Amino acid sequence: SAEVVFIVRRDGSVVDIRLRRSSGVYWFDVEALGAVESAARQRAFGPLPDGFSDDALTVIFSFDPRIIR
């Protein structure tokens, strides 16, 4: 599995996408980063909710091929 970390800003933009933990398989890591980058380009995460008090949210997402069937 690989872990990707990124920051969602209040307006829904995404910055600082990086690999937090490598899977050890280069192509899998590249695909995991690419998936987050693609979602970020499409603004798929949306803006942070009004009730969220901070200006940004750090997200750690794990990609694990063992759970994909």
PDB file of N, CA and C in Angstrom:
ATOM      1  N   SER A   1       0.841  -1.183   0.000  1.00  0.00           N
ATOM      2  CA  SER A   1       0.000   0.000   0.000  1.00  0.00           C
ATOM      3  C   SER A   1       0.883   1.242   0.000  1.00  0.00           C
ATOM      4  N   ALA A   2       0.308   2.338  -0.430  1.00  0.00           N
ATOM      5  CA  ALA A   2       0.998   3.629  -0.462  1.00  0.00           C
ATOM      6  C   ALA A   2       0.124   4.651   0.243  1.00  0.00           C
ATOM      7  N   GLU A   3       0.754   5.613   0.890  1.00  0.00           N
ATOM      8  CA  GLU A   3       0.010   6.703   1.523  1.00  0.00           C
ATOM      9  C   GLU A   3       0.382   8.014   0.858  1.00  0.00           C
ATOM     10  N   VAL A   4      -0.644   8.775   0.494  1.00  0.00           N
ATOM     11  CA  VAL A   4      -0.467  10.086  -0.108  1.00  0.00           C
ATOM     12  C   VAL A   4      -1.018  11.113   0.861  1.00  0.00           C
ATOM     13  N   VAL A   5      -0.278  12.187   1.058  1.00  0.00           N
ATOM     14  CA  VAL A   5      -0.726  13.276   1.927  1.00  0.00           C
ATOM     15  C   VAL A   5      -0.877  14.530   1.082  1.00  0.00           C
ATOM     16  N   PHE A   6      -1.919  15.302   1.389  1.00  0.00           N
ATOM     17  CA  PHE A   6      -2.147  16.545   0.659  1.00  0.00           C
ATOM     18  C   PHE A   6      -2.961  17.484   1.532  1.00  0.00           C
ATOM     19  N   ILE A   7      -3.021  18.741   1.119  1.00  0.00           N
ATOM     20  CA  ILE A   7      -3.747  19.757   1.879  1.00  0.00           C
ATOM     21  C   ILE A   7      -4.871  20.314   1.025  1.00  0.00           C
ATOM     22  N   VAL A   8      -6.076  20.309   1.582  1.00  0.00           N
ATOM     23  CA  VAL A   8      -7.239  20.919   0.933  1.00  0.00           C
ATOM     24  C   VAL A   8      -7.432  22.290   1.569  1.00  0.00           C
ATOM     25  N   ARG A   9      -7.380  23.312   0.738  1.00  0.00           N
ATOM     26  CA  ARG A   9      -7.597  24.679   1.232  1.00  0.00           C
ATOM     27  C   ARG A   9      -9.085  24.963   1.343  1.00  0.00           C
ATOM     28  N   ARG A  10      -9.418  26.038   2.044  1.00  0.00           N
ATOM     29  CA  ARG A  10     -10.815  26.411   2.280  1.00  0.00           C
ATOM     30  C   ARG A  10     -11.628  26.445   0.988  1.00  0.00           C
ATOM     31  N   ASP A  11     -11.037  26.932  -0.109  1.00  0.00           N
ATOM     32  CA  ASP A  11     -11.768  27.060  -1.372  1.00  0.00           C
ATOM     33  C   ASP A  11     -11.856  25.748  -2.161  1.00  0.00           C
ATOM     34  N   GLY A  12     -11.288  24.672  -1.620  1.00  0.00           N
ATOM     35  CA  GLY A  12     -11.331  23.376  -2.285  1.00  0.00           C
ATOM     36  C   GLY A  12     -10.117  23.078  -3.134  1.00  0.00           C
ATOM     37  N   SER A  13      -9.226  24.048  -3.285  1.00  0.00           N
ATOM     38  CA  SER A  13      -8.001  23.788  -4.028  1.00  0.00           C
ATOM     39  C   SER A  13      -7.097  22.872  -3.199  1.00  0.00           C
ATOM     40  N   VAL A  14      -6.262  22.140  -3.894  1.00  0.00           N
ATOM     41  CA  VAL A  14      -5.388  21.162  -3.243  1.00  0.00           C
ATOM     42  C   VAL A  14      -3.933  21.524  -3.510  1.00  0.00           C
ATOM     43  N   VAL A  15      -3.130  21.480  -2.466  1.00  0.00           N
ATOM     44  CA  VAL A  15      -1.702  21.786  -2.585  1.00  0.00           C
ATOM     45  C   VAL A  15      -0.881  20.730  -1.863  1.00  0.00           C
ATOM     46  N   ASP A  16       0.404  20.734  -2.155  1.00  0.00           N
ATOM     47  CA  ASP A  16       1.391  19.924  -1.439  1.00  0.00           C
ATOM     48  C   ASP A  16       1.073  18.427  -1.476  1.00  0.00           C
ATOM     49  N   ILE A  17       0.773  17.917  -2.664  1.00  0.00           N
ATOM     50  CA  ILE A  17       0.512  16.484  -2.824  1.00  0.00           C
ATOM     51  C   ILE A  17       1.857  15.765  -2.837  1.00  0.00           C
ATOM     52  N   ARG A  18       1.997  14.793  -1.927  1.00  0.00           N
ATOM     53  CA  ARG A  18       3.257  14.056  -1.894  1.00  0.00           C
ATOM     54  C   ARG A  18       3.041  12.650  -1.340  1.00  0.00           C
ATOM     55  N   LEU A  19       3.991  11.811  -1.624  1.00  0.00           N
ATOM     56  CA  LEU A  19       3.963  10.444  -1.132  1.00  0.00           C
ATOM     57  C   LEU A  19       4.450  10.441   0.308  1.00  0.00           C
ATOM     58  N   ARG A  20       3.636   9.950   1.204  1.00  0.00           N
ATOM     59  CA  ARG A  20       4.012   9.879   2.625  1.00  0.00           C
ATOM     60  C   ARG A  20       4.700   8.553   2.930  1.00  0.00           C
ATOM     61  N   ARG A  21       4.177   7.484   2.318  1.00  0.00           N
ATOM     62  CA  ARG A  21       4.767   6.159   2.501  1.00  0.00           C
ATOM     63  C   ARG A  21       4.691   5.417   1.180  1.00  0.00           C
ATOM     64  N   SER A  22       5.829   4.967   0.715  1.00  0.00           N
ATOM     65  CA  SER A  22       5.905   4.256  -0.559  1.00  0.00           C
ATOM     66  C   SER A  22       5.439   2.813  -0.409  1.00  0.00           C
ATOM     67  N   SER A  23       4.850   2.316  -1.476  1.00  0.00           N
ATOM     68  CA  SER A  23       4.462   0.911  -1.515  1.00  0.00           C
ATOM     69  C   SER A  23       5.666   0.026  -1.816  1.00  0.00           C
ATOM     70  N   GLY A  24       6.712   0.650  -2.340  1.00  0.00           N
ATOM     71  CA  GLY A  24       7.876  -0.120  -2.782  1.00  0.00           C
ATOM     72  C   GLY A  24       7.785  -0.505  -4.240  1.00  0.00           C
ATOM     73  N   VAL A  25       6.647  -0.185  -4.851  1.00  0.00           N
ATOM     74  CA  VAL A  25       6.438  -0.477  -6.273  1.00  0.00           C
ATOM     75  C   VAL A  25       6.249   0.859  -6.975  1.00  0.00           C
ATOM     76  N   TYR A  26       7.246   1.250  -7.760  1.00  0.00           N
ATOM     77  CA  TYR A  26       7.266   2.579  -8.367  1.00  0.00           C
ATOM     78  C   TYR A  26       5.981   2.917  -9.113  1.00  0.00           C
ATOM     79  N   TRP A  27       5.534   2.033 -10.004  1.00  0.00           N
ATOM     80  CA  TRP A  27       4.351   2.350 -10.828  1.00  0.00           C
ATOM     81  C   TRP A  27       3.105   2.521  -9.969  1.00  0.00           C
ATOM     82  N   PHE A  28       2.994   1.759  -8.878  1.00  0.00           N
ATOM     83  CA  PHE A  28       1.833   1.889  -8.000  1.00  0.00           C
ATOM     84  C   PHE A  28       1.851   3.249  -7.297  1.00  0.00           C
ATOM     85  N   ASP A  29       3.020   3.662  -6.837  1.00  0.00           N
ATOM     86  CA  ASP A  29       3.148   4.975  -6.188  1.00  0.00           C
ATOM     87  C   ASP A  29       2.791   6.102  -7.154  1.00  0.00           C
ATOM     88  N   VAL A  30       3.260   5.999  -8.393  1.00  0.00           N
ATOM     89  CA  VAL A  30       2.965   7.020  -9.404  1.00  0.00           C
ATOM     90  C   VAL A  30       1.461   7.086  -9.671  1.00  0.00           C
ATOM     91  N   GLU A  31       0.814   5.939  -9.754  1.00  0.00           N
ATOM     92  CA  GLU A  31      -0.639   5.898  -9.980  1.00  0.00           C
ATOM     93  C   GLU A  31      -1.403   6.479  -8.788  1.00  0.00           C
ATOM     94  N   ALA A  32      -0.953   6.210  -7.577  1.00  0.00           N
ATOM     95  CA  ALA A  32      -1.612   6.756  -6.386  1.00  0.00           C
ATOM     96  C   ALA A  32      -1.518   8.277  -6.380  1.00  0.00           C
ATOM     97  N   LEU A  33      -0.332   8.808  -6.644  1.00  0.00           N
ATOM     98  CA  LEU A  33      -0.169  10.255  -6.734  1.00  0.00           C
ATOM     99  C   LEU A  33      -1.027  10.831  -7.856  1.00  0.00           C
ATOM    100  N   GLY A  34      -1.046  10.147  -8.979  1.00  0.00           N
ATOM    101  CA  GLY A  34      -1.832  10.600 -10.129  1.00  0.00           C
ATOM    102  C   GLY A  34      -3.318  10.643  -9.836  1.00  0.00           C
ATOM    103  N   ALA A  35      -3.811   9.708  -9.059  1.00  0.00           N
ATOM    104  CA  ALA A  35      -5.239   9.683  -8.719  1.00  0.00           C
ATOM    105  C   ALA A  35      -5.615  10.922  -7.907  1.00  0.00           C
ATOM    106  N   VAL A  36      -4.782  11.277  -6.938  1.00  0.00           N
ATOM    107  CA  VAL A  36      -5.062  12.464  -6.122  1.00  0.00           C
ATOM    108  C   VAL A  36      -4.914  13.730  -6.967  1.00  0.00           C
ATOM    109  N   GLU A  37      -3.878  13.784  -7.809  1.00  0.00           N
ATOM    110  CA  GLU A  37      -3.682  14.948  -8.675  1.00  0.00           C
ATOM    111  C   GLU A  37      -4.869  15.141  -9.623  1.00  0.00           C
ATOM    112  N   SER A  38      -5.398  14.058 -10.159  1.00  0.00           N
ATOM    113  CA  SER A  38      -6.553  14.131 -11.049  1.00  0.00           C
ATOM    114  C   SER A  38      -7.785  14.659 -10.318  1.00  0.00           C
ATOM    115  N   ALA A  39      -8.031  14.134  -9.129  1.00  0.00           N
ATOM    116  CA  ALA A  39      -9.169  14.607  -8.328  1.00  0.00           C
ATOM    117  C   ALA A  39      -8.994  16.080  -7.971  1.00  0.00           C
ATOM    118  N   ALA A  40      -7.771  16.473  -7.668  1.00  0.00           N
ATOM    119  CA  ALA A  40      -7.497  17.869  -7.310  1.00  0.00           C
ATOM    120  C   ALA A  40      -7.761  18.802  -8.498  1.00  0.00           C
ATOM    121  N   ARG A  41      -7.339  18.399  -9.702  1.00  0.00           N
ATOM    122  CA  ARG A  41      -7.572  19.225 -10.901  1.00  0.00           C
ATOM    123  C   ARG A  41      -9.057  19.430 -11.156  1.00  0.00           C
ATOM    124  N   GLN A  42      -9.856  18.432 -10.844  1.00  0.00           N
ATOM    125  CA  GLN A  42     -11.305  18.507 -11.067  1.00  0.00           C
ATOM    126  C   GLN A  42     -12.039  19.136  -9.878  1.00  0.00           C
ATOM    127  N   ARG A  43     -11.281  19.549  -8.875  1.00  0.00           N
ATOM    128  CA  ARG A  43     -11.852  20.113  -7.639  1.00  0.00           C
ATOM    129  C   ARG A  43     -12.883  19.170  -7.020  1.00  0.00           C
ATOM    130  N   ALA A  44     -12.569  17.887  -7.060  1.00  0.00           N
ATOM    131  CA  ALA A  44     -13.484  16.854  -6.583  1.00  0.00           C
ATOM    132  C   ALA A  44     -13.687  16.881  -5.068  1.00  0.00           C
ATOM    133  N   PHE A  45     -12.777  17.487  -4.335  1.00  0.00           N
ATOM    134  CA  PHE A  45     -12.910  17.509  -2.876  1.00  0.00           C
ATOM    135  C   PHE A  45     -13.851  18.602  -2.407  1.00  0.00           C
ATOM    136  N   GLY A  46     -14.030  19.624  -3.215  1.00  0.00           N
ATOM    137  CA  GLY A  46     -14.937  20.711  -2.869  1.00  0.00           C
ATOM    138  C   GLY A  46     -14.377  21.584  -1.758  1.00  0.00           C
ATOM    139  N   PRO A  47     -15.043  22.722  -1.510  1.00  0.00           N
ATOM    140  CA  PRO A  47     -14.583  23.626  -0.454  1.00  0.00           C
ATOM    141  C   PRO A  47     -14.838  23.026   0.923  1.00  0.00           C
ATOM    142  N   LEU A  48     -14.085  23.505   1.888  1.00  0.00           N
ATOM    143  CA  LEU A  48     -14.294  23.060   3.265  1.00  0.00           C
ATOM    144  C   LEU A  48     -15.630  23.606   3.769  1.00  0.00           C
ATOM    145  N   PRO A  49     -16.319  22.864   4.610  1.00  0.00           N
ATOM    146  CA  PRO A  49     -17.617  23.321   5.121  1.00  0.00           C
ATOM    147  C   PRO A  49     -17.486  24.587   5.969  1.00  0.00           C
ATOM    148  N   ASP A  50     -18.517  25.396   5.977  1.00  0.00           N
ATOM    149  CA  ASP A  50     -18.520  26.644   6.743  1.00  0.00           C
ATOM    150  C   ASP A  50     -18.220  26.404   8.223  1.00  0.00           C
ATOM    151  N   GLY A  51     -18.671  25.317   8.771  1.00  0.00           N
ATOM    152  CA  GLY A  51     -18.461  25.032  10.183  1.00  0.00           C
ATOM    153  C   GLY A  51     -17.054  24.577  10.527  1.00  0.00           C
ATOM    154  N   PHE A  52     -16.235  24.327   9.509  1.00  0.00           N
ATOM    155  CA  PHE A  52     -14.848  23.899   9.740  1.00  0.00           C
ATOM    156  C   PHE A  52     -14.023  25.134  10.057  1.00  0.00           C
ATOM    157  N   SER A  53     -13.391  25.164  11.217  1.00  0.00           N
ATOM    158  CA  SER A  53     -12.772  26.404  11.696  1.00  0.00           C
ATOM    159  C   SER A  53     -11.406  26.715  11.087  1.00  0.00           C
ATOM    160  N   ASP A  54     -10.693  25.733  10.599  1.00  0.00           N
ATOM    161  CA  ASP A  54      -9.360  25.983  10.040  1.00  0.00           C
ATOM    162  C   ASP A  54      -9.447  26.375   8.566  1.00  0.00           C
ATOM    163  N   ASP A  55      -8.364  26.950   8.059  1.00  0.00           N
ATOM    164  CA  ASP A  55      -8.315  27.368   6.655  1.00  0.00           C
ATOM    165  C   ASP A  55      -7.860  26.260   5.718  1.00  0.00           C
ATOM    166  N   ALA A  56      -7.402  25.145   6.282  1.00  0.00           N
ATOM    167  CA  ALA A  56      -6.922  24.039   5.467  1.00  0.00           C
ATOM    168  C   ALA A  56      -7.104  22.731   6.237  1.00  0.00           C
ATOM    169  N   LEU A  57      -7.180  21.657   5.472  1.00  0.00           N
ATOM    170  CA  LEU A  57      -7.336  20.323   6.058  1.00  0.00           C
ATOM    171  C   LEU A  57      -6.265  19.418   5.471  1.00  0.00           C
ATOM    172  N   THR A  58      -5.438  18.839   6.324  1.00  0.00           N
ATOM    173  CA  THR A  58      -4.445  17.868   5.871  1.00  0.00           C
ATOM    174  C   THR A  58      -5.107  16.506   5.777  1.00  0.00           C
ATOM    175  N   VAL A  59      -4.931  15.851   4.626  1.00  0.00           N
ATOM    176  CA  VAL A  59      -5.546  14.551   4.375  1.00  0.00           C
ATOM    177  C   VAL A  59      -4.449  13.527   4.127  1.00  0.00           C
ATOM    178  N   ILE A  60      -4.564  12.376   4.754  1.00  0.00           N
ATOM    179  CA  ILE A  60      -3.678  11.249   4.484  1.00  0.00           C
ATOM    180  C   ILE A  60      -4.560  10.134   3.943  1.00  0.00           C
ATOM    181  N   PHE A  61      -4.264   9.719   2.713  1.00  0.00           N
ATOM    182  CA  PHE A  61      -5.097   8.714   2.055  1.00  0.00           C
ATOM    183  C   PHE A  61      -4.245   7.498   1.737  1.00  0.00           C
ATOM    184  N   SER A  62      -4.751   6.331   2.062  1.00  0.00           N
ATOM    185  CA  SER A  62      -4.028   5.088   1.832  1.00  0.00           C
ATOM    186  C   SER A  62      -4.612   4.356   0.624  1.00  0.00           C
ATOM    187  N   PHE A  63      -3.743   3.980  -0.281  1.00  0.00           N
ATOM    188  CA  PHE A  63      -4.117   3.160  -1.433  1.00  0.00           C
ATOM    189  C   PHE A  63      -3.601   1.746  -1.155  1.00  0.00           C
ATOM    190  N   ASP A  64      -4.511   0.790  -1.075  1.00  0.00           N
ATOM    191  CA  ASP A  64      -4.139  -0.576  -0.749  1.00  0.00           C
ATOM    192  C   ASP A  64      -4.722  -1.530  -1.797  1.00  0.00           C
ATOM    193  N   PRO A  65      -3.883  -2.096  -2.655  1.00  0.00           N
ATOM    194  CA  PRO A  65      -4.403  -2.956  -3.713  1.00  0.00           C
ATOM    195  C   PRO A  65      -4.993  -4.269  -3.197  1.00  0.00           C
ATOM    196  N   ARG A  66      -4.706  -4.626  -1.965  1.00  0.00           N
ATOM    197  CA  ARG A  66      -5.255  -5.877  -1.422  1.00  0.00           C
ATOM    198  C   ARG A  66      -6.757  -5.819  -1.199  1.00  0.00           C
ATOM    199  N   ILE A  67      -7.322  -4.607  -1.077  1.00  0.00           N
ATOM    200  CA  ILE A  67      -8.759  -4.518  -0.827  1.00  0.00           C
ATOM    201  C   ILE A  67      -9.556  -4.301  -2.116  1.00  0.00           C
ATOM    202  N   ILE A  68      -8.861  -4.173  -3.236  1.00  0.00           N
ATOM    203  CA  ILE A  68      -9.533  -4.029  -4.527  1.00  0.00           C
ATOM    204  C   ILE A  68      -9.734  -5.413  -5.110  1.00  0.00           C
ATOM    205  N   ARG A  69     -10.954  -5.720  -5.388  1.00  0.00           N
ATOM    206  CA  ARG A  69     -11.249  -7.068  -5.937  1.00  0.00           C
ATOM    207  C   ARG A  69     -12.008  -6.941  -7.227  1.00  0.00           C
TER     208      ARG A  69
END
